Amino acid sequence: MRILLREDFNIDKAAVISLYQSNDWSSAKKPDLLFQGLMHSHSLITAWAGEQLVGLGNALSDGFLVVYYPHLLVHPAYQGQGIGRMIMNKMQEKYGHFHQQVLVADGRAVDFYQKCGFVKAGETQSMWIYQGTDHEEK
């Protein structure tokens, strides 16, 4: 099936929550806050297989110098098909010239982002106050 990318904020809340639930992201337990956060992003790229939302990525930015990529996820049934790469390529079209592009990655996502050109930021360490449990070491 052909995957179509869209840059827009015209998406159904239930489809978004379903995508997050399919990936066991803890933010799905706060559906109203999650949806509002996405709707207030600087950019939102969605991936569609027909009428089904199969992936998305968002960006928070000052619009000129710095961009942060908080979420990039693909439905498990569609992973490994290049959809995440397509979303990141679309983000690079918009933000590739920015001075600083930042994200936090763990697990298998580290290899993915390295393949997209991201590198470890010197000796920095990711730090957070996090209310989820989906990033705990197993």
Protein backbone atom coordinates (compact mmCIF):
# COMPACT_ATOMS: atom_id res chain seq x y z
CA MET A 1 0.00 0.00 0.00
CA ARG A 2 1.18 3.50 -0.81
CA ILE A 3 2.01 5.76 2.15
CA LEU A 4 1.01 9.41 1.91
CA LEU A 5 2.64 12.07 4.10
CA ARG A 6 0.75 15.19 5.08
CA GLU A 7 1.84 18.26 6.99
CA ASP A 8 -1.32 19.41 8.66
CA PHE A 9 -3.18 19.53 11.92
CA ASN A 10 -6.45 18.16 10.57
CA ILE A 11 -6.39 14.73 12.22
CA ASP A 12 -8.85 12.78 14.28
CA LYS A 13 -8.07 12.59 17.99
CA ALA A 14 -9.19 8.95 18.23
CA ALA A 15 -6.79 7.96 15.43
CA VAL A 16 -3.91 9.69 17.21
CA ILE A 17 -4.66 8.02 20.53
CA SER A 18 -4.98 4.64 18.84
CA LEU A 19 -1.54 5.08 17.22
CA TYR A 20 0.04 5.94 20.58
CA GLN A 21 -1.71 3.03 22.29
CA SER A 22 -0.48 0.61 19.61
CA ASN A 23 3.07 1.62 20.56
CA ASP A 24 2.39 1.48 24.33
CA TRP A 25 3.36 5.13 24.80
CA SER A 26 2.34 6.33 28.25
CA SER A 27 1.19 9.69 26.87
CA ALA A 28 -1.84 7.85 25.45
CA LYS A 29 -3.12 7.71 29.04
CA LYS A 30 -3.47 11.51 28.89
CA PRO A 31 -5.36 11.75 25.59
CA ASP A 32 -6.58 15.34 25.90
CA LEU A 33 -3.15 16.68 26.87
CA LEU A 34 -1.41 14.58 24.20
CA PHE A 35 -3.72 15.81 21.48
CA GLN A 36 -3.48 19.45 22.55
CA GLY A 37 0.31 19.16 22.68
CA LEU A 38 0.41 17.86 19.13
CA MET A 39 -2.01 20.53 17.93
CA HIS A 40 0.27 23.23 19.36
CA SER A 41 3.43 21.86 17.74
CA HIS A 42 5.41 23.97 15.28
CA SER A 43 5.06 21.15 12.73
CA LEU A 44 3.13 17.90 12.56
CA ILE A 45 3.81 15.33 9.84
CA THR A 46 1.38 12.44 9.52
CA ALA A 47 1.67 9.22 7.51
CA TRP A 48 -1.39 7.54 6.04
CA ALA A 49 -2.11 4.15 4.52
CA GLY A 50 -5.42 4.93 2.90
CA GLU A 51 -7.62 6.32 5.67
CA GLN A 52 -5.50 4.84 8.50
CA LEU A 53 -3.04 6.98 10.44
CA VAL A 54 0.10 4.82 10.55
CA GLY A 55 2.73 7.29 11.77
CA LEU A 56 3.48 10.79 12.89
CA GLY A 57 6.25 13.09 13.96
CA ASN A 58 6.14 16.54 15.49
CA ALA A 59 8.54 19.41 16.07
CA LEU A 60 8.77 22.22 18.60
CA SER A 61 10.79 25.17 17.42
CA ASP A 62 11.59 28.85 17.69
CA GLY A 63 11.17 28.85 13.91
CA PHE A 64 14.67 30.07 13.14
CA LEU A 65 17.54 28.46 15.00
CA VAL A 66 16.53 25.49 17.17
CA VAL A 67 14.15 22.58 16.69
CA TYR A 68 13.29 19.75 19.06
CA TYR A 69 11.68 16.52 17.84
CA PRO A 70 9.66 15.12 20.74
CA HIS A 71 7.68 12.38 18.97
CA LEU A 72 8.19 10.11 16.01
CA LEU A 73 6.22 6.89 15.98
CA VAL A 74 4.96 4.36 13.47
CA HIS A 75 2.26 1.76 14.02
CA PRO A 76 3.96 -1.60 14.80
CA ALA A 77 2.31 -3.28 11.80
CA TYR A 78 3.97 -0.71 9.51
CA GLN A 79 7.42 -0.49 11.11
CA GLY A 80 10.45 -1.41 9.02
CA GLN A 81 8.93 -0.03 5.82
CA GLY A 82 10.74 3.31 5.78
CA ILE A 83 7.85 5.41 7.14
CA GLY A 84 9.85 6.82 10.04
CA ARG A 85 12.61 7.76 7.61
CA MET A 86 10.10 9.44 5.32
CA ILE A 87 8.78 11.51 8.22
CA MET A 88 12.28 12.49 9.31
CA ASN A 89 13.21 13.39 5.73
CA LYS A 90 10.18 15.69 5.59
CA MET A 91 11.32 17.31 8.85
CA GLN A 92 14.78 17.79 7.36
CA GLU A 93 13.29 19.59 4.38
CA LYS A 94 11.93 22.15 6.81
CA TYR A 95 14.55 22.22 9.58
CA GLY A 96 17.74 20.79 8.03
CA HIS A 97 19.35 24.23 7.82
CA PHE A 98 18.73 25.04 11.51
CA HIS A 99 21.73 25.55 13.77
CA GLN A 100 20.57 22.96 16.30
CA GLN A 101 18.29 19.95 15.93
CA VAL A 102 17.66 18.10 19.19
CA LEU A 103 15.96 14.88 20.21
CA VAL A 104 16.08 12.24 22.93
CA ALA A 105 16.42 8.62 21.84
CA ASP A 106 16.68 5.31 23.63
CA GLY A 107 16.55 1.64 22.72
CA ARG A 108 16.21 0.81 19.05
CA ALA A 109 15.53 4.47 18.27
CA VAL A 110 19.23 5.31 18.78
CA ASP A 111 20.28 3.29 15.72
CA PHE A 112 17.42 4.75 13.68
CA TYR A 113 18.40 8.33 14.45
CA GLN A 114 22.08 7.64 13.82
CA LYS A 115 21.11 6.39 10.35
CA CYS A 116 19.27 9.71 9.90
CA GLY A 117 22.50 11.62 10.63
CA PHE A 118 22.11 12.41 14.34
CA VAL A 119 25.09 11.96 16.64
CA LYS A 120 25.55 11.85 20.40
CA ALA A 121 25.80 15.42 21.68
CA GLY A 122 29.31 15.45 23.14
CA GLU A 123 29.25 14.45 26.78
CA THR A 124 25.70 15.65 27.37
CA GLN A 125 23.20 13.51 29.24
CA SER A 126 19.47 13.48 28.71
CA MET A 127 17.68 14.52 31.87
CA TRP A 128 14.00 14.77 32.65
CA ILE A 129 11.18 14.63 35.11
CA TYR A 130 9.01 11.96 33.53
CA GLN A 131 5.67 10.61 34.63
CA GLY A 132 5.66 7.52 32.41
CA THR A 133 7.22 4.09 32.83
CA ASP A 134 7.72 3.20 29.17
CA HIS A 135 11.43 4.11 29.19
CA GLU A 136 12.48 2.20 32.29
CA GLU A 137 15.25 -0.34 31.87
CA LYS A 138 13.94 -3.85 31.69
